[in-house]
Amino acid sequence: MSDATAQTQEISQLQSEVDRLEEEIQRITNKLQNDGFIARVPAAMIEKEQIKLAKYEQQQKALKAQISEAN
């Protein structure tokens, strides 16, 4: 496999992971913006979702940087 093909495949895999994280980020954001969810769940669960959201955003940012470096 050529270097260009390997690089294209790597970028494609990274982009797929960025897309998956984007879906998770959107899902958690929707939860946290839902007043019904906020009203009925314990504060610890809200905090857990906020931490998960921050982690996913950080991972997504790192992957986007890898894609930029690979291009």
Foldseek 3Di string as FASTA:
>chain_A
DDPVVVLVVVLVVLVVLLVVLVVLLVVLVVLLVDPVNVVPDDPVVNVVSVVVNVVSVVSSVVSVVVSVVSD
